[in-house]
Amino acid sequence: MLTSSKSFVSLVGFALLFGISVGGPVDSIVAEVGETVILESELEQAEDFVRIAMRDTVQPDSALRAQVLKQLVDNELLQEQAKRDTIVVTREEVASLVDADVKTLRDRFESEEKFQAALLSEGMTERSLRLRYENDVRRRLLSRRLLEKAGLTATYVSPAEAKRFYNENRDSIALVPGHVTLAHVLIAVIPSAKTESLAMHRAGEVLDILSRGGDFAIVASSFSDDKNTSTLGGDWDWKGMDEIPTELALVLSQLKPGQISPPFRSPEGYMTAKLEAQSGDKVRFRTILIRVPLCRADTLRALARARSIRKKAAQGLAFDSLAHEFSYDPVTRDSGGFLGEFLLEGLAPPFDSVVAALDSGDISEPVLSEHGFHIIRVIDKKPERTMSYLEMQDMVRNYLQQEKFNQRLQRYLARIAKEIYIKRFN
């Protein structure tokens, strides 16, 4: 996608909402432009706006602050120059655009009641909203009229210029990555009923020892299958709740210090937990894990089941019905196994190599991952391609027009800045 290198937010449209001071008693002045001051609170609000609008989490705060302050100063330069050039806009022009802006906002809500409720939640009325919009619209119109008067908005890009830019930059601007839409049925490799029963029985025996007064740390050292904690008496040390596996965190949240849980199933096996202490959102606890082992027979049993389901799909049974009935994936099962759309180059193993050999509509043989056997259906697959000039000509022309406008604008701002008082404060 083409974006202008110098207009990370449109200057005429940027930060007009920040023309109303929200500063408190300790608000400081960061810049003066003519008779107008820019406050620290306005700058911080504009920085937040840009970070959200641009989804910028990489640029250093100091660099973003300098960029945003420059645009706020540039905005005020345009307003000051509009005064000097006696640019005017009528009440009717402002009212017409305000009506349109309010209507656009209102149309985003399902009903008038929800629109009014949203205004109320923001501490506003429709009248105060319109007053806010009137200020924004007036500033926007003044800036636009000034730039039109200065001849900055009339930019022309010839067909030859646009075609030349496309040819010179085709490899970077016209490449459309390949993408694929996938669904799957997941068949987990699970232990046999006998193995499950034996592990559950062993976990019950451990709980019996604890209930008869056994020291949790000693019992953990003797019986736990968790190699990471068994030598520590099952101690996990202090952890935040967000650092703990979900099923374990849920159990710990229901315990009080000193209490021991009954055995519960985790992905590794049956676990018993003891909450030792709690401080804020951090907990210290111990666990005993009775692992439920998997064997080759479990893998072969899951593979046979996956092959049987794949055969049903090949015979014409609806894939989404098979996913709903047989898949072990709780996230996608109820949506027919739908996984979503992915870039071909971004697929993780084993999906990448499997999907590379499939076309739209194909269904893979069972493929093993850490989660089990996947039967993958390619709903749609689009290979990487290069967009033609015909497809891109409007985008290229708009981009070049914006670049020309930015260059003219920066020269114009530099010129009027020599005639208008500007002071920045550290």
Protein backbone atom coordinates (compact mmCIF):
# COMPACT_ATOMS: atom_id res chain seq x y z
CA MET A 1 0.00 0.00 0.00
CA LEU A 2 1.27 3.44 -0.95
CA THR A 3 1.49 6.02 1.84
CA SER A 4 2.96 9.47 1.71
CA SER A 5 6.35 9.66 3.37
CA LYS A 6 5.75 13.08 4.90
CA SER A 7 2.06 13.01 5.74
CA PHE A 8 1.85 10.49 8.56
CA VAL A 9 -1.41 12.24 9.41
CA SER A 10 -2.98 14.76 7.02
CA LEU A 11 -1.92 18.21 8.12
CA VAL A 12 -5.20 19.89 7.31
CA GLY A 13 -7.20 17.20 9.10
CA PHE A 14 -4.74 16.49 11.92
CA ALA A 15 -5.35 17.51 15.51
CA LEU A 16 -8.12 19.96 14.81
CA LEU A 17 -9.84 18.32 17.75
CA PHE A 18 -6.97 19.54 19.88
CA GLY A 19 -7.70 23.20 19.34
CA ILE A 20 -9.72 23.27 22.58
CA SER A 21 -7.56 23.57 25.63
CA VAL A 22 -7.94 20.78 28.18
CA GLY A 23 -5.13 21.98 30.40
CA GLY A 24 -5.40 22.18 34.16
CA PRO A 25 -3.74 24.46 36.70
CA VAL A 26 -0.33 22.85 36.16
CA ASP A 27 -0.54 22.83 32.34
CA SER A 28 2.57 24.26 30.74
CA ILE A 29 3.11 26.00 27.41
CA VAL A 30 5.18 24.05 24.88
CA ALA A 31 4.99 26.54 21.99
CA GLU A 32 3.67 29.93 20.90
CA VAL A 33 2.57 30.65 17.34
CA GLY A 34 1.53 34.23 16.76
CA GLU A 35 -1.03 34.96 19.47
CA THR A 36 -1.83 31.28 20.08
CA VAL A 37 -0.27 29.00 22.69
CA ILE A 38 0.04 25.20 22.46
CA LEU A 39 -0.25 23.47 25.83
CA GLU A 40 1.48 20.35 27.11
CA SER A 41 -1.91 18.66 27.55
CA GLU A 42 -2.77 19.33 23.90
CA LEU A 43 0.55 17.88 22.78
CA GLU A 44 0.12 14.75 24.90
CA GLN A 45 -3.44 14.25 23.61
CA ALA A 46 -2.24 14.60 20.03
CA GLU A 47 0.59 12.11 20.64
CA ASP A 48 -1.92 9.57 21.94
CA PHE A 49 -4.12 10.17 18.91
CA VAL A 50 -1.24 9.56 16.49
CA ARG A 51 -0.05 6.40 18.24
CA ILE A 52 -3.54 4.93 18.03
CA ALA A 53 -4.21 6.09 14.48
CA MET A 54 -0.84 4.88 13.17
CA ARG A 55 -0.63 1.83 15.47
CA ASP A 56 2.87 3.05 16.26
CA THR A 57 4.55 1.14 19.08
CA VAL A 58 8.12 1.37 17.76
CA GLN A 59 8.96 5.06 17.27
CA PRO A 60 10.75 6.56 20.32
CA ASP A 61 8.66 8.97 22.38
CA SER A 62 11.07 11.83 21.75
CA ALA A 63 10.87 11.43 17.97
CA LEU A 64 7.09 11.19 17.97
CA ARG A 65 6.80 14.19 20.29
CA ALA A 66 8.94 16.30 17.92
CA GLN A 67 6.87 15.22 14.91
CA VAL A 68 3.55 15.91 16.59
CA LEU A 69 4.66 19.28 17.95
CA LYS A 70 5.78 20.30 14.47
CA GLN A 71 2.36 19.45 13.06
CA LEU A 72 0.56 21.34 15.82
CA VAL A 73 2.78 24.36 15.12
CA ASP A 74 2.15 24.00 11.38
CA ASN A 75 -1.60 23.87 11.99
CA GLU A 76 -1.46 27.09 13.97
CA LEU A 77 0.72 28.68 11.29
CA LEU A 78 -2.05 28.06 8.77
CA GLN A 79 -4.66 29.51 11.12
CA GLU A 80 -2.53 32.60 11.76
CA GLN A 81 -1.84 33.11 8.04
CA ALA A 82 -5.57 32.71 7.28
CA LYS A 83 -6.23 35.65 9.63
CA ARG A 84 -3.58 37.75 7.91
CA ASP A 85 -5.00 36.93 4.48
CA THR A 86 -8.52 37.71 5.76
CA ILE A 87 -9.78 34.27 4.77
CA VAL A 88 -13.40 33.93 5.88
CA VAL A 89 -15.99 31.18 5.99
CA THR A 90 -19.71 31.71 6.42
CA ARG A 91 -21.94 30.37 9.19
CA GLU A 92 -23.93 28.49 6.57
CA GLU A 93 -20.83 26.68 5.29
CA VAL A 94 -19.85 25.69 8.81
CA ALA A 95 -23.37 24.61 9.73
CA SER A 96 -23.67 22.45 6.61
CA LEU A 97 -20.48 20.53 7.36
CA VAL A 98 -21.36 20.23 11.05
CA ASP A 99 -24.71 18.72 10.09
CA ALA A 100 -22.90 16.20 7.89
CA ASP A 101 -20.37 15.31 10.62
CA VAL A 102 -23.07 14.84 13.26
CA LYS A 103 -25.11 12.70 10.86
CA THR A 104 -22.07 10.52 10.11
CA LEU A 105 -21.51 10.01 13.82
CA ARG A 106 -25.20 9.33 14.50
CA ASP A 107 -25.35 6.76 11.67
CA ARG A 108 -22.72 4.66 13.44
CA PHE A 109 -25.26 3.80 16.14
CA GLU A 110 -28.13 1.37 15.79
CA SER A 111 -30.68 3.82 17.19
CA GLU A 112 -31.14 7.39 18.36
CA GLU A 113 -31.36 6.12 21.94
CA LYS A 114 -27.90 4.53 21.72
CA PHE A 115 -26.48 7.69 20.17
CA GLN A 116 -27.84 9.82 23.00
CA ALA A 117 -26.60 7.29 25.59
CA ALA A 118 -23.11 7.48 24.10
CA LEU A 119 -23.15 11.28 24.32
CA LEU A 120 -24.29 11.06 27.94
CA SER A 121 -21.49 8.60 28.80
CA GLU A 122 -18.98 11.16 27.47
CA GLY A 123 -20.58 13.95 29.52
CA MET A 124 -21.83 15.70 26.38
CA THR A 125 -25.09 16.86 24.86
CA GLU A 126 -25.80 17.18 21.16
CA ARG A 127 -25.48 20.95 21.53
CA SER A 128 -22.01 20.71 23.11
CA LEU A 129 -21.00 18.20 20.41
CA ARG A 130 -22.08 20.63 17.69
CA LEU A 131 -20.15 23.47 19.34
CA ARG A 132 -17.06 21.27 19.37
CA TYR A 133 -17.58 20.37 15.73
CA GLU A 134 -18.14 23.99 14.75
CA ASN A 135 -14.68 24.94 15.98
CA ASP A 136 -13.10 21.99 14.18
CA VAL A 137 -14.98 22.61 10.93
CA ARG A 138 -14.19 26.33 10.93
CA ARG A 139 -10.47 25.62 11.34
CA ARG A 140 -10.58 22.96 8.63
CA LEU A 141 -12.33 25.26 6.19
CA LEU A 142 -9.95 28.14 6.90
CA SER A 143 -6.93 25.94 6.26
CA ARG A 144 -8.41 24.53 3.07
CA ARG A 145 -9.34 27.98 1.71
CA LEU A 146 -5.87 29.31 2.53
CA LEU A 147 -4.17 26.45 0.71
CA GLU A 148 -6.49 26.84 -2.27
CA LYS A 149 -5.74 30.57 -2.42
CA ALA A 150 -2.02 29.83 -2.31
CA GLY A 151 -2.42 27.41 -5.23
CA LEU A 152 -1.16 24.41 -3.28
CA THR A 153 -4.09 22.05 -3.84
CA ALA A 154 -4.03 21.98 -7.66
CA THR A 155 -1.46 19.28 -8.39
CA TYR A 156 -1.14 17.41 -11.70
CA VAL A 157 0.44 14.05 -12.34
CA SER A 158 0.79 13.07 -15.98
CA PRO A 159 0.06 9.51 -17.16
CA ALA A 160 3.71 9.15 -18.21
CA GLU A 161 4.91 10.25 -14.75
CA ALA A 162 2.63 7.74 -13.02
CA LYS A 163 3.63 4.91 -15.37
CA ARG A 164 7.32 5.67 -14.86
CA PHE A 165 6.92 5.59 -11.05
CA TYR A 166 5.10 2.24 -11.29
CA ASN A 167 7.80 0.69 -13.50
CA GLU A 168 10.62 1.92 -11.26
CA ASN A 169 8.95 0.71 -8.01
CA ARG A 170 6.89 -2.26 -9.17
CA ASP A 171 8.78 -4.84 -7.11
CA SER A 172 8.09 -2.98 -3.87
CA ILE A 173 4.62 -1.50 -4.41
CA ALA A 174 2.79 -3.97 -6.68
CA LEU A 175 3.54 -7.30 -5.02
CA VAL A 176 0.46 -9.00 -3.54
CA PRO A 177 1.51 -11.77 -1.12
CA GLY A 178 -0.01 -15.21 -1.57
CA HIS A 179 -2.71 -16.09 0.93
CA VAL A 180 -4.81 -19.10 1.84
CA THR A 181 -8.05 -19.76 3.75
CA LEU A 182 -8.01 -22.93 5.83
CA ALA A 183 -10.15 -25.22 7.95
CA HIS A 184 -9.12 -28.33 9.85
CA VAL A 185 -10.21 -31.28 11.92
CA LEU A 186 -7.90 -31.98 14.86
CA ILE A 187 -7.64 -35.48 16.28
CA ALA A 188 -5.71 -35.38 19.54
CA VAL A 189 -3.39 -38.18 20.62
CA ILE A 190 -4.91 -39.27 23.93
CA PRO A 191 -4.01 -42.09 26.32
CA SER A 192 -6.03 -45.24 26.55
CA ALA A 193 -8.87 -45.48 29.08
CA LYS A 194 -6.78 -47.95 31.13
CA THR A 195 -3.79 -45.59 31.32
CA GLU A 196 -6.06 -42.69 32.26
CA SER A 197 -7.72 -44.73 34.99
CA LEU A 198 -4.40 -45.85 36.48
CA ALA A 199 -3.12 -42.25 36.64
CA MET A 200 -6.36 -41.06 38.23
CA HIS A 201 -6.12 -43.83 40.83
CA ARG A 202 -2.50 -42.91 41.62
CA ALA A 203 -3.46 -39.24 42.03
CA GLY A 204 -6.19 -40.33 44.45
CA GLU A 205 -3.66 -42.31 46.50
CA VAL A 206 -1.43 -39.23 46.73
CA LEU A 207 -4.36 -37.12 47.93
CA ASP A 208 -5.13 -39.79 50.53
CA ILE A 209 -1.58 -39.52 51.89
CA LEU A 210 -1.92 -35.74 52.10
CA SER A 211 -5.31 -35.95 53.81
CA ARG A 212 -3.77 -38.15 56.49
CA GLY A 213 -1.24 -35.44 57.34
CA GLY A 214 1.52 -36.07 54.83
CA ASP A 215 3.86 -33.12 54.29
CA PHE A 216 3.14 -31.72 50.82
CA ALA A 217 6.78 -30.96 50.02
CA ILE A 218 7.95 -34.45 51.02
CA VAL A 219 5.11 -36.15 49.12
CA ALA A 220 5.90 -34.03 46.03
CA SER A 221 9.57 -35.00 46.19
CA SER A 222 8.57 -38.68 46.39
CA PHE A 223 5.69 -38.92 43.90
CA SER A 224 5.60 -35.95 41.51
CA ASP A 225 6.48 -36.59 37.86
CA ASP A 226 7.30 -32.90 37.26
CA LYS A 227 11.08 -32.86 36.76
CA ASN A 228 11.21 -29.07 37.14
CA THR A 229 9.68 -28.91 40.63
CA SER A 230 9.80 -32.37 42.24
CA THR A 231 13.30 -31.85 43.67
CA LEU A 232 12.03 -28.55 45.15
CA GLY A 233 9.13 -30.19 46.93
CA GLY A 234 6.78 -29.07 44.15
CA ASP A 235 7.56 -25.39 44.82
CA TRP A 236 6.91 -22.95 41.93
CA ASP A 237 8.09 -19.95 43.98
CA TRP A 238 6.20 -16.65 43.55
CA LYS A 239 4.28 -16.26 40.28
CA GLY A 240 1.80 -13.78 38.86
CA MET A 241 -1.54 -15.30 37.91
CA ASP A 242 -0.86 -14.39 34.26
CA GLU A 243 2.34 -16.50 34.36
CA ILE A 244 0.53 -19.68 35.37
CA PRO A 245 -1.22 -22.19 33.04
CA THR A 246 -4.93 -21.39 32.81
CA GLU A 247 -6.31 -24.53 34.40
CA LEU A 248 -3.84 -24.27 37.31
CA ALA A 249 -4.54 -20.55 37.83
CA LEU A 250 -8.28 -21.28 37.97
CA VAL A 251 -7.78 -23.85 40.74
CA LEU A 252 -5.41 -21.60 42.73
CA SER A 253 -7.87 -18.72 42.55
CA GLN A 254 -10.36 -20.84 44.53
CA LEU A 255 -7.94 -21.80 47.31
CA LYS A 256 -7.01 -20.00 50.49
CA PRO A 257 -3.43 -20.13 51.87
CA GLY A 258 -2.80 -23.58 53.33
CA GLN A 259 -5.57 -25.31 51.36
CA ILE A 260 -4.97 -28.27 49.04
CA SER A 261 -7.00 -28.93 45.89
CA PRO A 262 -8.39 -32.28 44.78
CA PRO A 263 -6.63 -33.78 41.72
CA PHE A 264 -7.59 -32.07 38.45
CA ARG A 265 -6.74 -32.82 34.82
CA SER A 266 -4.07 -30.73 33.13
CA PRO A 267 -2.58 -31.31 29.67
CA GLU A 268 0.28 -33.32 31.24
CA GLY A 269 -1.80 -35.40 33.65
CA TYR A 270 -3.43 -35.15 37.08
CA MET A 271 -2.27 -32.31 39.28
CA THR A 272 -2.79 -31.52 42.96
CA ALA A 273 -2.04 -27.99 44.13
CA LYS A 274 -1.40 -26.30 47.48
CA LEU A 275 -1.57 -22.53 47.89
CA GLU A 276 1.21 -21.49 50.29
CA ALA A 277 0.78 -17.71 50.30
CA GLN A 278 -0.72 -14.82 48.37
CA SER A 279 0.33 -11.18 48.00
CA GLY A 280 -1.71 -9.02 45.66
CA ASP A 281 -1.89 -10.77 42.30
CA LYS A 282 1.11 -12.99 43.08
CA VAL A 283 0.91 -16.44 44.62
CA ARG A 284 3.35 -18.98 45.98
CA PHE A 285 2.28 -22.60 45.59
CA ARG A 286 3.33 -26.22 45.24
CA THR A 287 2.05 -28.96 42.92
CA ILE A 288 2.24 -32.71 42.53
CA LEU A 289 1.91 -34.01 38.97
CA ILE A 290 0.94 -37.57 38.14
CA ARG A 291 1.75 -37.74 34.46
CA VAL A 292 -0.51 -39.64 32.06
CA PRO A 293 1.98 -41.15 29.61
CA LEU A 294 1.40 -41.59 25.90
CA CYS A 295 2.68 -44.55 23.95
CA ARG A 296 3.07 -45.57 20.32
CA ALA A 297 -0.27 -47.36 20.39
CA ASP A 298 -1.99 -44.08 21.33
CA THR A 299 -0.44 -42.35 18.30
CA LEU A 300 -1.42 -45.17 15.94
CA ARG A 301 -4.97 -45.17 17.28
CA ALA A 302 -5.29 -41.40 16.67
CA LEU A 303 -3.81 -41.76 13.17
CA ALA A 304 -6.31 -44.49 12.27
CA ARG A 305 -9.16 -42.30 13.47
CA ALA A 306 -7.85 -39.32 11.46
CA ARG A 307 -7.55 -41.44 8.32
CA SER A 308 -11.11 -42.66 8.77
CA ILE A 309 -12.41 -39.08 9.02
CA ARG A 310 -10.34 -38.01 6.02
CA LYS A 311 -11.88 -40.87 4.03
CA LYS A 312 -15.36 -39.63 4.95
CA ALA A 313 -14.41 -36.15 3.69
CA ALA A 314 -13.05 -37.61 0.43
CA GLN A 315 -16.34 -39.46 -0.05
CA GLY A 316 -18.19 -36.15 0.00
CA LEU A 317 -19.34 -35.72 3.59
CA ALA A 318 -19.47 -32.04 4.54
CA PHE A 319 -16.14 -31.00 6.08
CA ASP A 320 -17.73 -28.55 8.52
CA SER A 321 -20.02 -31.31 9.81
CA LEU A 322 -17.08 -33.64 10.31
CA ALA A 323 -15.21 -30.91 12.20
CA HIS A 324 -18.22 -30.22 14.39
CA GLU A 325 -18.62 -33.91 15.22
CA PHE A 326 -15.04 -35.14 15.55
CA SER A 327 -12.56 -32.24 16.04
CA TYR A 328 -10.78 -31.88 19.37
CA ASP A 329 -10.14 -28.16 18.72
CA PRO A 330 -12.60 -26.30 20.99
CA VAL A 331 -11.91 -22.96 19.30
CA THR A 332 -12.82 -24.00 15.73
CA ARG A 333 -15.07 -27.02 16.21
CA ASP A 334 -18.34 -25.09 16.35
CA SER A 335 -17.42 -23.04 13.26
CA GLY A 336 -16.82 -26.10 11.10
CA GLY A 337 -13.08 -26.13 11.75
CA PHE A 338 -12.59 -22.69 10.17
CA LEU A 339 -9.09 -21.39 10.93
CA GLY A 340 -9.09 -18.16 8.91
CA GLU A 341 -7.01 -16.53 6.19
CA PHE A 342 -3.20 -16.61 6.32
CA LEU A 343 -0.25 -15.38 4.30
CA LEU A 344 1.39 -18.34 2.59
CA GLU A 345 4.83 -17.20 3.73
CA GLY A 346 3.63 -16.87 7.32
CA LEU A 347 2.36 -20.43 7.80
CA ALA A 348 4.05 -22.39 10.56
CA PRO A 349 5.10 -26.04 10.30
CA PRO A 350 3.57 -28.46 9.49
CA PHE A 351 0.97 -26.34 7.69
CA ASP A 352 3.49 -24.61 5.40
CA SER A 353 4.79 -27.70 3.58
CA VAL A 354 1.38 -29.40 3.48
CA VAL A 355 -0.50 -26.38 2.10
CA ALA A 356 2.24 -25.74 -0.47
CA ALA A 357 1.26 -29.01 -2.18
CA LEU A 358 -2.51 -28.37 -2.08
CA ASP A 359 -4.87 -26.35 -4.25
CA SER A 360 -8.23 -24.75 -3.49
CA GLY A 361 -10.73 -27.42 -2.42
CA ASP A 362 -8.09 -30.04 -1.57
CA ILE A 363 -8.05 -31.97 1.71
CA SER A 364 -4.75 -33.18 3.13
CA GLU A 365 -3.84 -36.55 4.52
CA PRO A 366 -3.48 -36.49 8.34
CA VAL A 367 -0.41 -34.52 9.39
CA LEU A 368 1.09 -34.63 12.88
CA SER A 369 1.84 -31.57 15.03
CA GLU A 370 2.38 -31.10 18.76
CA HIS A 371 -1.42 -30.89 19.12
CA GLY A 372 -2.26 -34.10 17.30
CA PHE A 373 -3.23 -35.07 13.75
CA HIS A 374 -4.66 -32.36 11.48
CA ILE A 375 -6.82 -32.97 8.44
CA ILE A 376 -6.44 -29.69 6.56
CA ARG A 377 -8.89 -28.33 4.03
CA VAL A 378 -7.82 -25.54 1.67
CA ILE A 379 -10.95 -23.44 1.22
CA ASP A 380 -9.26 -20.92 -1.07
CA LYS A 381 -5.67 -20.33 -2.18
CA LYS A 382 -4.28 -17.35 -4.04
CA PRO A 383 -0.62 -17.40 -5.15
CA GLU A 384 1.66 -14.40 -4.92
CA ARG A 385 1.20 -12.01 -7.83
CA THR A 386 2.18 -8.59 -9.11
CA MET A 387 -0.59 -6.04 -9.63
CA SER A 388 -0.72 -4.54 -13.12
CA TYR A 389 -0.37 -0.84 -13.77
CA LEU A 390 -4.03 -0.74 -14.75
CA GLU A 391 -4.98 -2.00 -11.29
CA MET A 392 -2.67 0.45 -9.53
CA GLN A 393 -2.88 3.59 -11.63
CA ASP A 394 -5.36 5.41 -9.37
CA MET A 395 -3.34 4.56 -6.23
CA VAL A 396 -0.10 5.65 -7.89
CA ARG A 397 -1.61 8.91 -9.14
CA ASN A 398 -3.09 9.73 -5.72
CA TYR A 399 0.19 8.95 -4.00
CA LEU A 400 2.20 11.17 -6.33
CA GLN A 401 -0.33 13.98 -6.00
CA GLN A 402 -0.08 13.77 -2.22
CA GLU A 403 3.71 13.81 -2.39
CA LYS A 404 3.67 16.90 -4.60
CA PHE A 405 1.19 18.59 -2.27
CA ASN A 406 3.39 17.79 0.74
CA GLN A 407 6.46 19.26 -0.93
CA ARG A 408 4.60 22.45 -1.82
CA LEU A 409 3.09 22.65 1.65
CA GLN A 410 6.44 22.34 3.42
CA ARG A 411 7.92 25.12 1.23
CA TYR A 412 4.87 27.30 1.94
CA LEU A 413 5.08 26.68 5.70
CA ALA A 414 8.79 27.50 5.71
CA ARG A 415 8.04 30.80 3.98
CA ILE A 416 5.22 31.95 6.26
CA ALA A 417 7.14 30.80 9.35
CA LYS A 418 9.65 33.58 8.62
CA GLU A 419 6.89 36.15 9.02
CA ILE A 420 5.02 34.76 12.06
CA TYR A 421 6.35 34.68 15.62
CA ILE A 422 7.14 31.11 16.75
CA LYS A 423 8.71 30.06 20.01
CA ARG A 424 9.17 26.52 21.31
CA PHE A 425 9.79 25.77 24.98
CA ASN A 426 11.84 22.79 26.16
